[in-house]
Amino acid sequence: MKGAFETALVMLFGMMFMVMGMDYMKVVMMNNQARLLAESSLAILENQNRYDAAVQVLIDHTKDTCTSCILLIEPHLDHPGRYRVIVNYPIELKHIRYHTMAKLELLSRPLS
């Protein structure tokens, strides 16, 4: 009887921590995908040394790495010739019902 009770407690708490760990791992993976999208977009932008429709087509091909991310590229207001690469992505922790959007922002070097 004691063994069955201990096994039930271990299963109950073990499964709870396993669900929490899976949710946190999903957050880490989403963060990595968003960072990969932002850094690859910034690398394409800096490699081409300009931002126009042809560069946007190249950047659109990299959007497959993060399907739920929102990518924005806009000129920086304080530093002319530089661009801000902004990636917004969702963070969800279902076991505590937490839903929010995270923001990742990168700044390019001056483009000519």
C-alpha atoms as a PDB file:
ATOM      1  CA  MET A   1       0.000   0.000   0.000  1.00  0.00           C
ATOM      2  CA  LYS A   2       2.817   2.386   0.881  1.00  0.00           C
ATOM      3  CA  GLY A   3       4.587   1.637  -2.393  1.00  0.00           C
ATOM      4  CA  ALA A   4       1.466   2.303  -4.437  1.00  0.00           C
ATOM      5  CA  PHE A   5       0.945   5.655  -2.678  1.00  0.00           C
ATOM      6  CA  GLU A   6       4.570   6.681  -3.264  1.00  0.00           C
ATOM      7  CA  THR A   7       4.341   5.635  -6.916  1.00  0.00           C
ATOM      8  CA  ALA A   8       1.170   7.680  -7.377  1.00  0.00           C
ATOM      9  CA  LEU A   9       2.852  10.761  -5.849  1.00  0.00           C
ATOM     10  CA  VAL A  10       5.928  10.338  -8.027  1.00  0.00           C
ATOM     11  CA  MET A  11       3.776   9.920 -11.131  1.00  0.00           C
ATOM     12  CA  LEU A  12       1.626  12.951 -10.269  1.00  0.00           C
ATOM     13  CA  PHE A  13       4.507  15.338  -9.572  1.00  0.00           C
ATOM     14  CA  GLY A  14       6.729  13.818 -12.225  1.00  0.00           C
ATOM     15  CA  MET A  15       4.156  14.382 -14.941  1.00  0.00           C
ATOM     16  CA  MET A  16       3.579  17.943 -13.746  1.00  0.00           C
ATOM     17  CA  PHE A  17       7.288  18.753 -13.996  1.00  0.00           C
ATOM     18  CA  MET A  18       7.478  16.996 -17.349  1.00  0.00           C
ATOM     19  CA  VAL A  19       4.676  19.185 -18.757  1.00  0.00           C
ATOM     20  CA  MET A  20       6.372  22.295 -17.363  1.00  0.00           C
ATOM     21  CA  GLY A  21       9.685  21.250 -18.895  1.00  0.00           C
ATOM     22  CA  MET A  22       8.095  20.691 -22.286  1.00  0.00           C
ATOM     23  CA  ASP A  23       6.495  24.152 -22.190  1.00  0.00           C
ATOM     24  CA  TYR A  24       9.788  25.802 -21.250  1.00  0.00           C
ATOM     25  CA  MET A  25      11.598  23.879 -23.975  1.00  0.00           C
ATOM     26  CA  LYS A  26       9.040  25.161 -26.489  1.00  0.00           C
ATOM     27  CA  VAL A  27       9.787  28.739 -25.377  1.00  0.00           C
ATOM     28  CA  VAL A  28      13.531  28.177 -25.807  1.00  0.00           C
ATOM     29  CA  MET A  29      13.040  26.688 -29.267  1.00  0.00           C
ATOM     30  CA  MET A  30      10.773  29.570 -30.331  1.00  0.00           C
ATOM     31  CA  ASN A  31      13.384  32.052 -29.107  1.00  0.00           C
ATOM     32  CA  ASN A  32      16.080  30.245 -31.107  1.00  0.00           C
ATOM     33  CA  GLN A  33      13.938  30.242 -34.259  1.00  0.00           C
ATOM     34  CA  ALA A  34      13.205  33.962 -33.905  1.00  0.00           C
ATOM     35  CA  ARG A  35      16.884  34.740 -33.353  1.00  0.00           C
ATOM     36  CA  LEU A  36      17.808  32.650 -36.409  1.00  0.00           C
ATOM     37  CA  LEU A  37      15.281  34.568 -38.524  1.00  0.00           C
ATOM     38  CA  ALA A  38      16.502  37.950 -37.269  1.00  0.00           C
ATOM     39  CA  GLU A  39      20.199  37.168 -37.677  1.00  0.00           C
ATOM     40  CA  SER A  40      19.817  35.620 -41.134  1.00  0.00           C
ATOM     41  CA  SER A  41      17.712  38.580 -42.307  1.00  0.00           C
ATOM     42  CA  LEU A  42      20.304  40.991 -40.943  1.00  0.00           C
ATOM     43  CA  ALA A  43      23.105  39.040 -42.613  1.00  0.00           C
ATOM     44  CA  ILE A  44      21.323  39.153 -45.982  1.00  0.00           C
ATOM     45  CA  LEU A  45      20.649  42.870 -45.561  1.00  0.00           C
ATOM     46  CA  GLU A  46      24.263  43.654 -44.696  1.00  0.00           C
ATOM     47  CA  ASN A  47      25.671  41.328 -47.364  1.00  0.00           C
ATOM     48  CA  GLN A  48      23.668  43.033 -50.119  1.00  0.00           C
ATOM     49  CA  ASN A  49      24.578  46.465 -48.656  1.00  0.00           C
ATOM     50  CA  ARG A  50      21.159  47.853 -49.585  1.00  0.00           C
ATOM     51  CA  TYR A  51      17.468  47.337 -48.882  1.00  0.00           C
ATOM     52  CA  ASP A  52      15.089  47.174 -51.828  1.00  0.00           C
ATOM     53  CA  ALA A  53      12.548  44.789 -53.373  1.00  0.00           C
ATOM     54  CA  ALA A  54      15.206  42.308 -54.545  1.00  0.00           C
ATOM     55  CA  VAL A  55      16.660  42.057 -51.042  1.00  0.00           C
ATOM     56  CA  GLN A  56      13.148  41.658 -49.603  1.00  0.00           C
ATOM     57  CA  VAL A  57      12.620  38.642 -51.884  1.00  0.00           C
ATOM     58  CA  LEU A  58      15.813  37.076 -50.508  1.00  0.00           C
ATOM     59  CA  ILE A  59      14.688  37.747 -46.954  1.00  0.00           C
ATOM     60  CA  ASP A  60      11.232  36.278 -47.642  1.00  0.00           C
ATOM     61  CA  HIS A  61      12.863  32.951 -48.508  1.00  0.00           C
ATOM     62  CA  THR A  62      14.277  32.730 -44.959  1.00  0.00           C
ATOM     63  CA  LYS A  63      10.881  33.245 -43.275  1.00  0.00           C
ATOM     64  CA  ASP A  64      10.282  29.476 -43.377  1.00  0.00           C
ATOM     65  CA  THR A  65      12.502  29.046 -40.293  1.00  0.00           C
ATOM     66  CA  CYS A  66       9.870  30.640 -38.052  1.00  0.00           C
ATOM     67  CA  THR A  67       6.305  30.498 -39.345  1.00  0.00           C
ATOM     68  CA  SER A  68       4.684  32.241 -36.364  1.00  0.00           C
ATOM     69  CA  CYS A  69       7.195  35.124 -36.271  1.00  0.00           C
ATOM     70  CA  ILE A  70       6.438  38.610 -37.580  1.00  0.00           C
ATOM     71  CA  LEU A  71       9.419  40.249 -39.285  1.00  0.00           C
ATOM     72  CA  LEU A  72       9.694  44.027 -39.735  1.00  0.00           C
ATOM     73  CA  ILE A  73      12.566  45.900 -41.347  1.00  0.00           C
ATOM     74  CA  GLU A  74      12.504  49.659 -41.014  1.00  0.00           C
ATOM     75  CA  PRO A  75      15.013  52.505 -41.200  1.00  0.00           C
ATOM     76  CA  HIS A  76      16.388  53.677 -37.877  1.00  0.00           C
ATOM     77  CA  LEU A  77      15.251  57.202 -37.059  1.00  0.00           C
ATOM     78  CA  ASP A  78      18.292  58.314 -35.049  1.00  0.00           C
ATOM     79  CA  HIS A  79      20.977  56.738 -37.250  1.00  0.00           C
ATOM     80  CA  PRO A  80      20.513  57.408 -40.979  1.00  0.00           C
ATOM     81  CA  GLY A  81      21.656  54.617 -43.259  1.00  0.00           C
ATOM     82  CA  ARG A  82      21.017  51.922 -40.643  1.00  0.00           C
ATOM     83  CA  TYR A  83      18.080  49.549 -40.441  1.00  0.00           C
ATOM     84  CA  ARG A  84      16.258  47.932 -37.538  1.00  0.00           C
ATOM     85  CA  VAL A  85      15.335  44.274 -37.903  1.00  0.00           C
ATOM     86  CA  ILE A  86      12.444  43.542 -35.528  1.00  0.00           C
ATOM     87  CA  VAL A  87      11.028  40.065 -34.933  1.00  0.00           C
ATOM     88  CA  ASN A  88       7.892  39.600 -32.825  1.00  0.00           C
ATOM     89  CA  TYR A  89       7.073  36.052 -31.757  1.00  0.00           C
ATOM     90  CA  PRO A  90       4.576  34.422 -29.388  1.00  0.00           C
ATOM     91  CA  ILE A  91       5.452  32.909 -26.036  1.00  0.00           C
ATOM     92  CA  GLU A  92       2.987  30.474 -24.514  1.00  0.00           C
ATOM     93  CA  LEU A  93       3.148  28.632 -21.216  1.00  0.00           C
ATOM     94  CA  LYS A  94      -0.052  26.638 -21.316  1.00  0.00           C
ATOM     95  CA  HIS A  95       0.231  25.115 -17.854  1.00  0.00           C
ATOM     96  CA  ILE A  96      -0.082  28.581 -16.264  1.00  0.00           C
ATOM     97  CA  ARG A  97      -2.163  30.125 -19.098  1.00  0.00           C
ATOM     98  CA  TYR A  98       0.467  32.718 -20.005  1.00  0.00           C
ATOM     99  CA  HIS A  99       0.386  34.146 -23.535  1.00  0.00           C
ATOM    100  CA  THR A 100       2.429  37.132 -24.683  1.00  0.00           C
ATOM    101  CA  MET A 101       4.458  38.446 -27.592  1.00  0.00           C
ATOM    102  CA  ALA A 102       8.210  38.825 -27.281  1.00  0.00           C
ATOM    103  CA  LYS A 103      10.268  41.271 -29.319  1.00  0.00           C
ATOM    104  CA  LEU A 104      13.767  40.824 -30.700  1.00  0.00           C
ATOM    105  CA  GLU A 105      15.427  43.877 -32.220  1.00  0.00           C
ATOM    106  CA  LEU A 106      18.720  44.067 -34.146  1.00  0.00           C
ATOM    107  CA  LEU A 107      20.473  47.055 -35.690  1.00  0.00           C
ATOM    108  CA  SER A 108      22.413  46.880 -38.938  1.00  0.00           C
ATOM    109  CA  ARG A 109      25.704  48.513 -39.691  1.00  0.00           C
ATOM    110  CA  PRO A 110      25.529  51.637 -41.914  1.00  0.00           C
ATOM    111  CA  LEU A 111      24.553  50.742 -45.463  1.00  0.00           C
ATOM    112  CA  SER A 112      25.555  52.792 -48.463  1.00  0.00           C
END
